[in-house]
PDB file of N, CA and C in Angstrom:
ATOM      1  N   MET A   1       4.493   4.483   8.220  1.00  0.00           N
ATOM      2  CA  MET A   1       4.809   5.778   7.660  1.00  0.00           C
ATOM      3  C   MET A   1       3.595   6.695   7.777  1.00  0.00           C
ATOM      4  N   PRO A   2       3.798   7.906   8.219  1.00  0.00           N
ATOM      5  CA  PRO A   2       2.658   8.808   8.367  1.00  0.00           C
ATOM      6  C   PRO A   2       2.137   9.294   7.020  1.00  0.00           C
ATOM      7  N   LYS A   3       0.838   9.436   6.958  1.00  0.00           N
ATOM      8  CA  LYS A   3       0.197  10.006   5.766  1.00  0.00           C
ATOM      9  C   LYS A   3       0.136  11.501   5.984  1.00  0.00           C
ATOM     10  N   GLU A   4       1.095  12.222   5.405  1.00  0.00           N
ATOM     11  CA  GLU A   4       1.192  13.651   5.671  1.00  0.00           C
ATOM     12  C   GLU A   4       1.294  14.495   4.408  1.00  0.00           C
ATOM     13  N   TRP A   5       1.433  13.857   3.246  1.00  0.00           N
ATOM     14  CA  TRP A   5       1.664  14.597   2.010  1.00  0.00           C
ATOM     15  C   TRP A   5       0.393  14.757   1.197  1.00  0.00           C
ATOM     16  N   TYR A   6       0.150  15.996   0.762  1.00  0.00           N
ATOM     17  CA  TYR A   6      -0.953  16.296  -0.136  1.00  0.00           C
ATOM     18  C   TYR A   6      -0.351  16.657  -1.486  1.00  0.00           C
ATOM     19  N   ILE A   7      -1.044  16.292  -2.558  1.00  0.00           N
ATOM     20  CA  ILE A   7      -0.543  16.624  -3.891  1.00  0.00           C
ATOM     21  C   ILE A   7      -1.594  17.434  -4.627  1.00  0.00           C
ATOM     22  N   TYR A   8      -1.114  18.349  -5.454  1.00  0.00           N
ATOM     23  CA  TYR A   8      -1.979  19.105  -6.340  1.00  0.00           C
ATOM     24  C   TYR A   8      -1.733  18.538  -7.723  1.00  0.00           C
ATOM     25  N   ILE A   9      -2.712  17.801  -8.228  1.00  0.00           N
ATOM     26  CA  ILE A   9      -2.512  17.085  -9.479  1.00  0.00           C
ATOM     27  C   ILE A   9      -3.795  17.096 -10.297  1.00  0.00           C
ATOM     28  N   LEU A  10      -3.635  17.352 -11.576  1.00  0.00           N
ATOM     29  CA  LEU A  10      -4.765  17.389 -12.504  1.00  0.00           C
ATOM     30  C   LEU A  10      -5.864  18.335 -12.010  1.00  0.00           C
ATOM     31  N   GLY A  11      -5.469  19.454 -11.412  1.00  0.00           N
ATOM     32  CA  GLY A  11      -6.413  20.464 -10.954  1.00  0.00           C
ATOM     33  C   GLY A  11      -7.102  20.148  -9.641  1.00  0.00           C
ATOM     34  N   ASN A  12      -6.690  19.077  -8.952  1.00  0.00           N
ATOM     35  CA  ASN A  12      -7.321  18.676  -7.697  1.00  0.00           C
ATOM     36  C   ASN A  12      -6.278  18.495  -6.603  1.00  0.00           C
ATOM     37  N   ILE A  13      -6.718  18.675  -5.367  1.00  0.00           N
ATOM     38  CA  ILE A  13      -5.870  18.368  -4.214  1.00  0.00           C
ATOM     39  C   ILE A  13      -6.255  16.976  -3.744  1.00  0.00           C
ATOM     40  N   GLU A  14      -5.245  16.084  -3.629  1.00  0.00           N
ATOM     41  CA  GLU A  14      -5.474  14.720  -3.176  1.00  0.00           C
ATOM     42  C   GLU A  14      -4.591  14.440  -1.972  1.00  0.00           C
ATOM     43  N   GLY A  15      -5.052  13.542  -1.118  1.00  0.00           N
ATOM     44  CA  GLY A  15      -4.229  13.146   0.016  1.00  0.00           C
ATOM     45  C   GLY A  15      -5.041  13.072   1.273  1.00  0.00           C
ATOM     46  N   PRO A  16      -4.395  12.767   2.351  1.00  0.00           N
ATOM     47  CA  PRO A  16      -2.947  12.666   2.520  1.00  0.00           C
ATOM     48  C   PRO A  16      -2.409  11.313   2.045  1.00  0.00           C
ATOM     49  N   PHE A  17      -1.133  11.321   1.647  1.00  0.00           N
ATOM     50  CA  PHE A  17      -0.423  10.126   1.202  1.00  0.00           C
ATOM     51  C   PHE A  17       0.808   9.930   2.063  1.00  0.00           C
ATOM     52  N   ASP A  18       1.269   8.678   2.143  1.00  0.00           N
ATOM     53  CA  ASP A  18       2.587   8.430   2.737  1.00  0.00           C
ATOM     54  C   ASP A  18       3.580   8.267   1.585  1.00  0.00           C
ATOM     55  N   PHE A  19       4.844   8.064   1.909  1.00  0.00           N
ATOM     56  CA  PHE A  19       5.903   7.979   0.909  1.00  0.00           C
ATOM     57  C   PHE A  19       5.623   6.893  -0.126  1.00  0.00           C
ATOM     58  N   LEU A  20       5.255   5.692   0.336  1.00  0.00           N
ATOM     59  CA  LEU A  20       5.031   4.583  -0.590  1.00  0.00           C
ATOM     60  C   LEU A  20       3.835   4.821  -1.490  1.00  0.00           C
ATOM     61  N   GLU A  21       2.804   5.472  -0.989  1.00  0.00           N
ATOM     62  CA  GLU A  21       1.644   5.783  -1.821  1.00  0.00           C
ATOM     63  C   GLU A  21       2.012   6.793  -2.903  1.00  0.00           C
ATOM     64  N   LEU A  22       2.874   7.749  -2.565  1.00  0.00           N
ATOM     65  CA  LEU A  22       3.347   8.689  -3.584  1.00  0.00           C
ATOM     66  C   LEU A  22       4.135   7.951  -4.657  1.00  0.00           C
ATOM     67  N   ARG A  23       4.952   6.992  -4.241  1.00  0.00           N
ATOM     68  CA  ARG A  23       5.738   6.183  -5.198  1.00  0.00           C
ATOM     69  C   ARG A  23       4.846   5.440  -6.169  1.00  0.00           C
ATOM     70  N   ARG A  24       3.731   4.943  -5.675  1.00  0.00           N
ATOM     71  CA  ARG A  24       2.845   4.097  -6.481  1.00  0.00           C
ATOM     72  C   ARG A  24       1.810   4.884  -7.286  1.00  0.00           C
ATOM     73  N   HIS A  25       1.635   6.152  -6.964  1.00  0.00           N
ATOM     74  CA  HIS A  25       0.604   6.953  -7.642  1.00  0.00           C
ATOM     75  C   HIS A  25       0.984   7.095  -9.118  1.00  0.00           C
ATOM     76  N   PRO A  26       0.080   6.718 -10.026  1.00  0.00           N
ATOM     77  CA  PRO A  26       0.434   6.712 -11.448  1.00  0.00           C
ATOM     78  C   PRO A  26       0.654   8.093 -12.066  1.00  0.00           C
ATOM     79  N   ASP A  27       0.132   9.144 -11.467  1.00  0.00           N
ATOM     80  CA  ASP A  27       0.235  10.478 -12.056  1.00  0.00           C
ATOM     81  C   ASP A  27       1.302  11.366 -11.420  1.00  0.00           C
ATOM     82  N   VAL A  28       1.991  10.876 -10.398  1.00  0.00           N
ATOM     83  CA  VAL A  28       2.992  11.690  -9.711  1.00  0.00           C
ATOM     84  C   VAL A  28       4.279  11.743 -10.542  1.00  0.00           C
ATOM     85  N   THR A  29       4.769  12.962 -10.764  1.00  0.00           N
ATOM     86  CA  THR A  29       6.019  13.199 -11.483  1.00  0.00           C
ATOM     87  C   THR A  29       6.903  14.094 -10.615  1.00  0.00           C
ATOM     88  N   PRO A  30       8.158  14.303 -11.006  1.00  0.00           N
ATOM     89  CA  PRO A  30       9.002  15.221 -10.235  1.00  0.00           C
ATOM     90  C   PRO A  30       8.453  16.645 -10.174  1.00  0.00           C
ATOM     91  N   GLU A  31       7.585  17.002 -11.108  1.00  0.00           N
ATOM     92  CA  GLU A  31       7.006  18.345 -11.140  1.00  0.00           C
ATOM     93  C   GLU A  31       5.707  18.464 -10.337  1.00  0.00           C
ATOM     94  N   THR A  32       5.188  17.347  -9.852  1.00  0.00           N
ATOM     95  CA  THR A  32       3.950  17.378  -9.072  1.00  0.00           C
ATOM     96  C   THR A  32       4.150  18.228  -7.828  1.00  0.00           C
ATOM     97  N   LEU A  33       3.189  19.101  -7.561  1.00  0.00           N
ATOM     98  CA  LEU A  33       3.263  19.973  -6.383  1.00  0.00           C
ATOM     99  C   LEU A  33       2.807  19.217  -5.139  1.00  0.00           C
ATOM    100  N   VAL A  34       3.591  19.341  -4.057  1.00  0.00           N
ATOM    101  CA  VAL A  34       3.259  18.689  -2.788  1.00  0.00           C
ATOM    102  C   VAL A  34       3.234  19.717  -1.669  1.00  0.00           C
ATOM    103  N   TRP A  35       2.521  19.345  -0.614  1.00  0.00           N
ATOM    104  CA  TRP A  35       2.429  20.199   0.569  1.00  0.00           C
ATOM    105  C   TRP A  35       2.192  19.299   1.761  1.00  0.00           C
ATOM    106  N   LYS A  36       2.724  19.696   2.918  1.00  0.00           N
ATOM    107  CA  LYS A  36       2.384  19.063   4.192  1.00  0.00           C
ATOM    108  C   LYS A  36       2.365  20.156   5.254  1.00  0.00           C
ATOM    109  N   GLU A  37       1.829  19.823   6.406  1.00  0.00           N
ATOM    110  CA  GLU A  37       1.744  20.785   7.497  1.00  0.00           C
ATOM    111  C   GLU A  37       3.137  21.331   7.793  1.00  0.00           C
ATOM    112  N   GLY A  38       3.237  22.641   7.887  1.00  0.00           N
ATOM    113  CA  GLY A  38       4.516  23.301   8.134  1.00  0.00           C
ATOM    114  C   GLY A  38       5.086  23.967   6.886  1.00  0.00           C
ATOM    115  N   PHE A  39       4.605  23.559   5.700  1.00  0.00           N
ATOM    116  CA  PHE A  39       5.047  24.189   4.454  1.00  0.00           C
ATOM    117  C   PHE A  39       4.278  25.490   4.260  1.00  0.00           C
ATOM    118  N   GLU A  40       4.950  26.505   3.749  1.00  0.00           N
ATOM    119  CA  GLU A  40       4.274  27.763   3.453  1.00  0.00           C
ATOM    120  C   GLU A  40       3.559  27.703   2.107  1.00  0.00           C
ATOM    121  N   ASN A  41       4.175  27.026   1.133  1.00  0.00           N
ATOM    122  CA  ASN A  41       3.619  26.958  -0.225  1.00  0.00           C
ATOM    123  C   ASN A  41       3.725  25.546  -0.772  1.00  0.00           C
ATOM    124  N   TRP A  42       3.045  25.322  -1.887  1.00  0.00           N
ATOM    125  CA  TRP A  42       3.165  24.083  -2.631  1.00  0.00           C
ATOM    126  C   TRP A  42       4.500  24.116  -3.369  1.00  0.00           C
ATOM    127  N   VAL A  43       5.217  22.996  -3.358  1.00  0.00           N
ATOM    128  CA  VAL A  43       6.513  22.918  -4.033  1.00  0.00           C
ATOM    129  C   VAL A  43       6.576  21.634  -4.868  1.00  0.00           C
ATOM    130  N   PRO A  44       7.365  21.642  -5.950  1.00  0.00           N
ATOM    131  CA  PRO A  44       7.532  20.420  -6.733  1.00  0.00           C
ATOM    132  C   PRO A  44       8.238  19.344  -5.896  1.00  0.00           C
ATOM    133  N   ILE A  45       7.852  18.093  -6.101  1.00  0.00           N
ATOM    134  CA  ILE A  45       8.451  16.986  -5.341  1.00  0.00           C
ATOM    135  C   ILE A  45       9.962  16.997  -5.467  1.00  0.00           C
ATOM    136  N   ARG A  46      10.490  17.335  -6.637  1.00  0.00           N
ATOM    137  CA  ARG A  46      11.938  17.285  -6.867  1.00  0.00           C
ATOM    138  C   ARG A  46      12.709  18.223  -5.940  1.00  0.00           C
ATOM    139  N   GLU A  47      12.024  19.209  -5.332  1.00  0.00           N
ATOM    140  CA  GLU A  47      12.674  20.163  -4.440  1.00  0.00           C
ATOM    141  C   GLU A  47      12.565  19.780  -2.960  1.00  0.00           C
ATOM    142  N   VAL A  48      11.852  18.699  -2.661  1.00  0.00           N
ATOM    143  CA  VAL A  48      11.657  18.272  -1.273  1.00  0.00           C
ATOM    144  C   VAL A  48      12.659  17.161  -0.968  1.00  0.00           C
ATOM    145  N   GLU A  49      13.600  17.446  -0.075  1.00  0.00           N
ATOM    146  CA  GLU A  49      14.684  16.506   0.216  1.00  0.00           C
ATOM    147  C   GLU A  49      14.178  15.120   0.609  1.00  0.00           C
ATOM    148  N   GLU A  50      13.169  15.059   1.489  1.00  0.00           N
ATOM    149  CA  GLU A  50      12.692  13.762   1.969  1.00  0.00           C
ATOM    150  C   GLU A  50      11.885  12.989   0.936  1.00  0.00           C
ATOM    151  N   LEU A  51      11.562  13.614  -0.212  1.00  0.00           N
ATOM    152  CA  LEU A  51      10.803  12.911  -1.254  1.00  0.00           C
ATOM    153  C   LEU A  51      11.629  12.631  -2.507  1.00  0.00           C
ATOM    154  N   LYS A  52      12.894  12.983  -2.526  1.00  0.00           N
ATOM    155  CA  LYS A  52      13.716  12.765  -3.716  1.00  0.00           C
ATOM    156  C   LYS A  52      13.811  11.286  -4.076  1.00  0.00           C
ATOM    157  N   ARG A  53      13.678  10.407  -3.090  1.00  0.00           N
ATOM    158  CA  ARG A  53      13.769   8.970  -3.343  1.00  0.00           C
ATOM    159  C   ARG A  53      12.501   8.380  -3.947  1.00  0.00           C
ATOM    160  N   VAL A  54      11.448   9.177  -4.089  1.00  0.00           N
ATOM    161  CA  VAL A  54      10.200   8.679  -4.671  1.00  0.00           C
ATOM    162  C   VAL A  54      10.444   8.101  -6.064  1.00  0.00           C
ATOM    163  N   PHE A  55      11.399   8.644  -6.791  1.00  0.00           N
ATOM    164  CA  PHE A  55      11.614   8.234  -8.174  1.00  0.00           C
ATOM    165  C   PHE A  55      12.818   7.323  -8.352  1.00  0.00           C
ATOM    166  N   GLU A  56      13.435   6.861  -7.262  1.00  0.00           N
ATOM    167  CA  GLU A  56      14.548   5.920  -7.355  1.00  0.00           C
ATOM    168  C   GLU A  56      14.019   4.546  -7.750  1.00  0.00           C
ATOM    169  N   ASP A  57      14.910   3.681  -8.221  1.00  0.00           N
ATOM    170  CA  ASP A  57      14.532   2.316  -8.574  1.00  0.00           C
ATOM    171  C   ASP A  57      13.966   1.596  -7.361  1.00  0.00           C
ATOM    172  N   ALA A  58      13.012   0.720  -7.598  1.00  0.00           N
ATOM    173  CA  ALA A  58      12.354  -0.005  -6.512  1.00  0.00           C
ATOM    174  C   ALA A  58      13.322  -0.856  -5.710  1.00  0.00           C
ATOM    175  N   GLU A  59      14.405  -1.372  -6.344  1.00  0.00           N
ATOM    176  CA  GLU A  59      15.356  -2.217  -5.620  1.00  0.00           C
ATOM    177  C   GLU A  59      16.090  -1.429  -4.543  1.00  0.00           C
ATOM    178  N   ASP A  60      16.200  -0.115  -4.727  1.00  0.00           N
ATOM    179  CA  ASP A  60      16.931   0.713  -3.777  1.00  0.00           C
ATOM    180  C   ASP A  60      16.097   1.056  -2.545  1.00  0.00           C
ATOM    181  N   ILE A  61      14.794   0.822  -2.606  1.00  0.00           N
ATOM    182  CA  ILE A  61      13.910   1.196  -1.507  1.00  0.00           C
ATOM    183  C   ILE A  61      13.325  -0.076  -0.916  1.00  0.00           C
ATOM    184  N   HIS A  62      13.475  -0.235   0.375  1.00  0.00           N
ATOM    185  CA  HIS A  62      12.953  -1.419   1.040  1.00  0.00           C
ATOM    186  C   HIS A  62      11.589  -1.085   1.611  1.00  0.00           C
ATOM    187  N   GLU A  63      10.563  -1.633   0.961  1.00  0.00           N
ATOM    188  CA  GLU A  63       9.208  -1.378   1.412  1.00  0.00           C
ATOM    189  C   GLU A  63       8.902  -2.269   2.606  1.00  0.00           C
ATOM    190  N   GLU A  64       8.066  -1.759   3.486  1.00  0.00           N
ATOM    191  CA  GLU A  64       7.665  -2.527   4.649  1.00  0.00           C
ATOM    192  C   GLU A  64       6.737  -3.647   4.193  1.00  0.00           C
ATOM    193  N   PRO A  65       6.892  -4.849   4.740  1.00  0.00           N
ATOM    194  CA  PRO A  65       6.016  -5.949   4.333  1.00  0.00           C
ATOM    195  C   PRO A  65       4.581  -5.696   4.784  1.00  0.00           C
ATOM    196  N   VAL A  66       3.641  -6.170   3.986  1.00  0.00           N
ATOM    197  CA  VAL A  66       2.226  -6.034   4.310  1.00  0.00           C
ATOM    198  C   VAL A  66       1.797  -7.276   5.067  1.00  0.00           C
ATOM    199  N   GLU A  67       1.255  -7.083   6.243  1.00  0.00           N
ATOM    200  CA  GLU A  67       0.790  -8.199   7.048  1.00  0.00           C
ATOM    201  C   GLU A  67      -0.541  -8.699   6.487  1.00  0.00           C
ATOM    202  N   PRO A  68      -0.758 -10.016   6.400  1.00  0.00           N
ATOM    203  CA  PRO A  68      -2.016 -10.530   5.849  1.00  0.00           C
ATOM    204  C   PRO A  68      -3.211 -10.255   6.753  1.00  0.00           C
ATOM    205  N   PHE A  69      -2.981 -10.133   8.039  1.00  0.00           N
ATOM    206  CA  PHE A  69      -4.056  -9.758   8.960  1.00  0.00           C
ATOM    207  C   PHE A  69      -3.451  -9.101  10.184  1.00  0.00           C
ATOM    208  N   SER A  70      -4.281  -8.411  10.927  1.00  0.00           N
ATOM    209  CA  SER A  70      -3.786  -7.769  12.134  1.00  0.00           C
ATOM    210  C   SER A  70      -4.783  -7.990  13.267  1.00  0.00           C
ATOM    211  N   VAL A  71      -4.271  -7.970  14.478  1.00  0.00           N
ATOM    212  CA  VAL A  71      -5.097  -8.172  15.662  1.00  0.00           C
ATOM    213  C   VAL A  71      -4.888  -6.988  16.581  1.00  0.00           C
ATOM    214  N   LYS A  72      -5.974  -6.409  17.060  1.00  0.00           N
ATOM    215  CA  LYS A  72      -5.831  -5.318  18.016  1.00  0.00           C
ATOM    216  C   LYS A  72      -6.026  -5.869  19.420  1.00  0.00           C
ATOM    217  N   PRO A  73      -5.349  -5.284  20.390  1.00  0.00           N
ATOM    218  CA  PRO A  73      -5.531  -5.755  21.770  1.00  0.00           C
ATOM    219  C   PRO A  73      -6.961  -5.515  22.235  1.00  0.00           C
ATOM    220  N   VAL A  74      -7.480  -6.436  23.017  1.00  0.00           N
ATOM    221  CA  VAL A  74      -8.849  -6.297  23.523  1.00  0.00           C
ATOM    222  C   VAL A  74      -8.864  -6.473  25.032  1.00  0.00           C
ATOM    223  N   GLY A  75      -9.847  -5.866  25.648  1.00  0.00           N
ATOM    224  CA  GLY A  75     -10.036  -6.018  27.082  1.00  0.00           C
ATOM    225  C   GLY A  75     -10.879  -7.247  27.378  1.00  0.00           C
ATOM    226  N   GLU A  76     -11.151  -7.473  28.643  1.00  0.00           N
ATOM    227  CA  GLU A  76     -11.910  -8.657  29.042  1.00  0.00           C
ATOM    228  C   GLU A  76     -13.328  -8.658  28.495  1.00  0.00           C
ATOM    229  N   ASP A  77     -13.959  -7.490  28.388  1.00  0.00           N
ATOM    230  CA  ASP A  77     -15.350  -7.408  27.964  1.00  0.00           C
ATOM    231  C   ASP A  77     -15.498  -7.186  26.462  1.00  0.00           C
ATOM    232  N   GLU A  78     -14.406  -7.129  25.742  1.00  0.00           N
ATOM    233  CA  GLU A  78     -14.474  -6.869  24.313  1.00  0.00           C
ATOM    234  C   GLU A  78     -14.360  -8.164  23.515  1.00  0.00           C
ATOM    235  N   VAL A  79     -14.795  -8.067  22.270  1.00  0.00           N
ATOM    236  CA  VAL A  79     -14.731  -9.218  21.376  1.00  0.00           C
ATOM    237  C   VAL A  79     -13.511  -9.057  20.481  1.00  0.00           C
ATOM    238  N   LEU A  80     -12.773 -10.127  20.310  1.00  0.00           N
ATOM    239  CA  LEU A  80     -11.591 -10.125  19.450  1.00  0.00           C
ATOM    240  C   LEU A  80     -12.036 -10.064  17.996  1.00  0.00           C
ATOM    241  N   THR A  81     -11.462  -9.140  17.233  1.00  0.00           N
ATOM    242  CA  THR A  81     -11.784  -9.039  15.806  1.00  0.00           C
ATOM    243  C   THR A  81     -10.517  -9.209  14.991  1.00  0.00           C
ATOM    244  N   LEU A  82     -10.651  -9.874  13.873  1.00  0.00           N
ATOM    245  CA  LEU A  82      -9.539 -10.068  12.959  1.00  0.00           C
ATOM    246  C   LEU A  82      -9.847  -9.372  11.637  1.00  0.00           C
ATOM    247  N   GLN A  83      -8.830  -8.763  11.065  1.00  0.00           N
ATOM    248  CA  GLN A  83      -8.950  -8.199   9.733  1.00  0.00           C
ATOM    249  C   GLN A  83      -7.965  -8.953   8.860  1.00  0.00           C
ATOM    250  N   TYR A  84      -8.415  -9.466   7.757  1.00  0.00           N
ATOM    251  CA  TYR A  84      -7.535 -10.225   6.892  1.00  0.00           C
ATOM    252  C   TYR A  84      -7.806  -9.881   5.436  1.00  0.00           C
ATOM    253  N   GLU A  85      -6.830 -10.164   4.601  1.00  0.00           N
ATOM    254  CA  GLU A  85      -7.014 -10.001   3.171  1.00  0.00           C
ATOM    255  C   GLU A  85      -7.404 -11.356   2.600  1.00  0.00           C
ATOM    256  N   PRO A  86      -8.516 -11.424   1.881  1.00  0.00           N
ATOM    257  CA  PRO A  86      -8.924 -12.716   1.328  1.00  0.00           C
ATOM    258  C   PRO A  86      -7.941 -13.169   0.242  1.00  0.00           C
ATOM    259  N   PHE A  87      -7.891 -14.487   0.036  1.00  0.00           N
ATOM    260  CA  PHE A  87      -7.054 -15.008  -1.038  1.00  0.00           C
ATOM    261  C   PHE A  87      -7.511 -14.446  -2.375  1.00  0.00           C
ATOM    262  N   HIS A  88      -6.609 -14.342  -3.282  1.00  0.00           N
ATOM    263  CA  HIS A  88      -6.978 -13.964  -4.637  1.00  0.00           C
ATOM    264  C   HIS A  88      -7.630 -15.166  -5.310  1.00  0.00           C
ATOM    265  N   TRP A  89      -8.378 -14.920  -6.357  1.00  0.00           N
ATOM    266  CA  TRP A  89      -9.123 -15.985  -7.020  1.00  0.00           C
ATOM    267  C   TRP A  89      -8.214 -17.109  -7.509  1.00  0.00           C
ATOM    268  N   PHE A  90      -7.008 -16.790  -7.954  1.00  0.00           N
ATOM    269  CA  PHE A  90      -6.139 -17.839  -8.479  1.00  0.00           C
ATOM    270  C   PHE A  90      -5.627 -18.771  -7.374  1.00  0.00           C
ATOM    271  N   VAL A  91      -5.551 -18.294  -6.124  1.00  0.00           N
ATOM    272  CA  VAL A  91      -5.163 -19.162  -5.017  1.00  0.00           C
ATOM    273  C   VAL A  91      -6.266 -20.183  -4.770  1.00  0.00           C
ATOM    274  N   TRP A  92      -7.508 -19.719  -4.772  1.00  0.00           N
ATOM    275  CA  TRP A  92      -8.628 -20.640  -4.598  1.00  0.00           C
ATOM    276  C   TRP A  92      -8.692 -21.633  -5.746  1.00  0.00           C
ATOM    277  N   LEU A  93      -8.453 -21.163  -6.954  1.00  0.00           N
ATOM    278  CA  LEU A  93      -8.456 -22.046  -8.117  1.00  0.00           C
ATOM    279  C   LEU A  93      -7.390 -23.129  -7.963  1.00  0.00           C
ATOM    280  N   PHE A  94      -6.204 -22.763  -7.510  1.00  0.00           N
ATOM    281  CA  PHE A  94      -5.120 -23.718  -7.292  1.00  0.00           C
ATOM    282  C   PHE A  94      -5.515 -24.747  -6.234  1.00  0.00           C
ATOM    283  N   ILE A  95      -6.111 -24.299  -5.141  1.00  0.00           N
ATOM    284  CA  ILE A  95      -6.522 -25.207  -4.066  1.00  0.00           C
ATOM    285  C   ILE A  95      -7.565 -26.194  -4.582  1.00  0.00           C
ATOM    286  N   ILE A  96      -8.553 -25.710  -5.312  1.00  0.00           N
ATOM    287  CA  ILE A  96      -9.602 -26.582  -5.859  1.00  0.00           C
ATOM    288  C   ILE A  96      -9.005 -27.590  -6.834  1.00  0.00           C
ATOM    289  N   LEU A  97      -8.093 -27.141  -7.673  1.00  0.00           N
ATOM    290  CA  LEU A  97      -7.436 -28.029  -8.625  1.00  0.00           C
ATOM    291  C   LEU A  97      -6.654 -29.127  -7.900  1.00  0.00           C
ATOM    292  N   MET A  98      -5.951 -28.762  -6.832  1.00  0.00           N
ATOM    293  CA  MET A  98      -5.191 -29.757  -6.071  1.00  0.00           C
ATOM    294  C   MET A  98      -6.117 -30.784  -5.425  1.00  0.00           C
ATOM    295  N   VAL A  99      -7.269 -30.349  -4.922  1.00  0.00           N
ATOM    296  CA  VAL A  99      -8.230 -31.271  -4.313  1.00  0.00           C
ATOM    297  C   VAL A  99      -8.774 -32.228  -5.372  1.00  0.00           C
ATOM    298  N   ILE A 100      -9.123 -31.695  -6.534  1.00  0.00           N
ATOM    299  CA  ILE A 100      -9.636 -32.544  -7.624  1.00  0.00           C
ATOM    300  C   ILE A 100      -8.586 -33.563  -8.051  1.00  0.00           C
ATOM    301  N   LEU A 101      -7.349 -33.123  -8.211  1.00  0.00           N
ATOM    302  CA  LEU A 101      -6.280 -34.043  -8.599  1.00  0.00           C
ATOM    303  C   LEU A 101      -6.050 -35.121  -7.538  1.00  0.00           C
ATOM    304  N   TYR A 102      -6.137 -34.753  -6.282  1.00  0.00           N
ATOM    305  CA  TYR A 102      -5.975 -35.717  -5.201  1.00  0.00           C
ATOM    306  C   TYR A 102      -7.090 -36.769  -5.233  1.00  0.00           C
ATOM    307  N   VAL A 103      -8.328 -36.302  -5.419  1.00  0.00           N
ATOM    308  CA  VAL A 103      -9.467 -37.236  -5.474  1.00  0.00           C
ATOM    309  C   VAL A 103      -9.306 -38.162  -6.669  1.00  0.00           C
ATOM    310  N   LEU A 104      -8.923 -37.631  -7.828  1.00  0.00           N
ATOM    311  CA  LEU A 104      -8.729 -38.468  -9.015  1.00  0.00           C
ATOM    312  C   LEU A 104      -7.615 -39.488  -8.785  1.00  0.00           C
ATOM    313  N   TYR A 105      -6.546 -39.080  -8.110  1.00  0.00           N
ATOM    314  CA  TYR A 105      -5.455 -39.985  -7.802  1.00  0.00           C
ATOM    315  C   TYR A 105      -5.916 -41.130  -6.911  1.00  0.00           C
ATOM    316  N   LYS A 106      -6.718 -40.800  -5.889  1.00  0.00           N
ATOM    317  CA  LYS A 106      -7.203 -41.819  -4.970  1.00  0.00           C
ATOM    318  C   LYS A 106      -8.201 -42.769  -5.636  1.00  0.00           C
ATOM    319  N   LEU A 107      -8.991 -42.255  -6.593  1.00  0.00           N
ATOM    320  CA  LEU A 107      -9.961 -43.095  -7.287  1.00  0.00           C
ATOM    321  C   LEU A 107      -9.297 -43.979  -8.342  1.00  0.00           C
ATOM    322  N   GLY A 108      -8.156 -43.531  -8.887  1.00  0.00           N
ATOM    323  CA  GLY A 108      -7.509 -44.264  -9.988  1.00  0.00           C
ATOM    324  C   GLY A 108      -6.621 -45.313  -9.553  1.00  0.00           C
TER     325      GLY A 108
END
């Protein structure tokens, strides 16, 4: 989704945002003023046809899945780079706990 929306909120201009970021923004309301390239003026979100779904229930909107890592194509002389999201602390805690339990099981 393109990041094309700017919001005027709490006296500041923020953005650009995409649709899902607007949905998740804690301060966005139907009265929040938005603008994107091609608009003449700032308008409330409730008046923008393509943003009316920002306030619908989450079950009605199918968000795109977040990939845990991505790979960009590389040429012969380039180095392959990976970008990944690290595990959350509780995943590591679970893994360590499972290893400890396994070792205790084998020793007992």
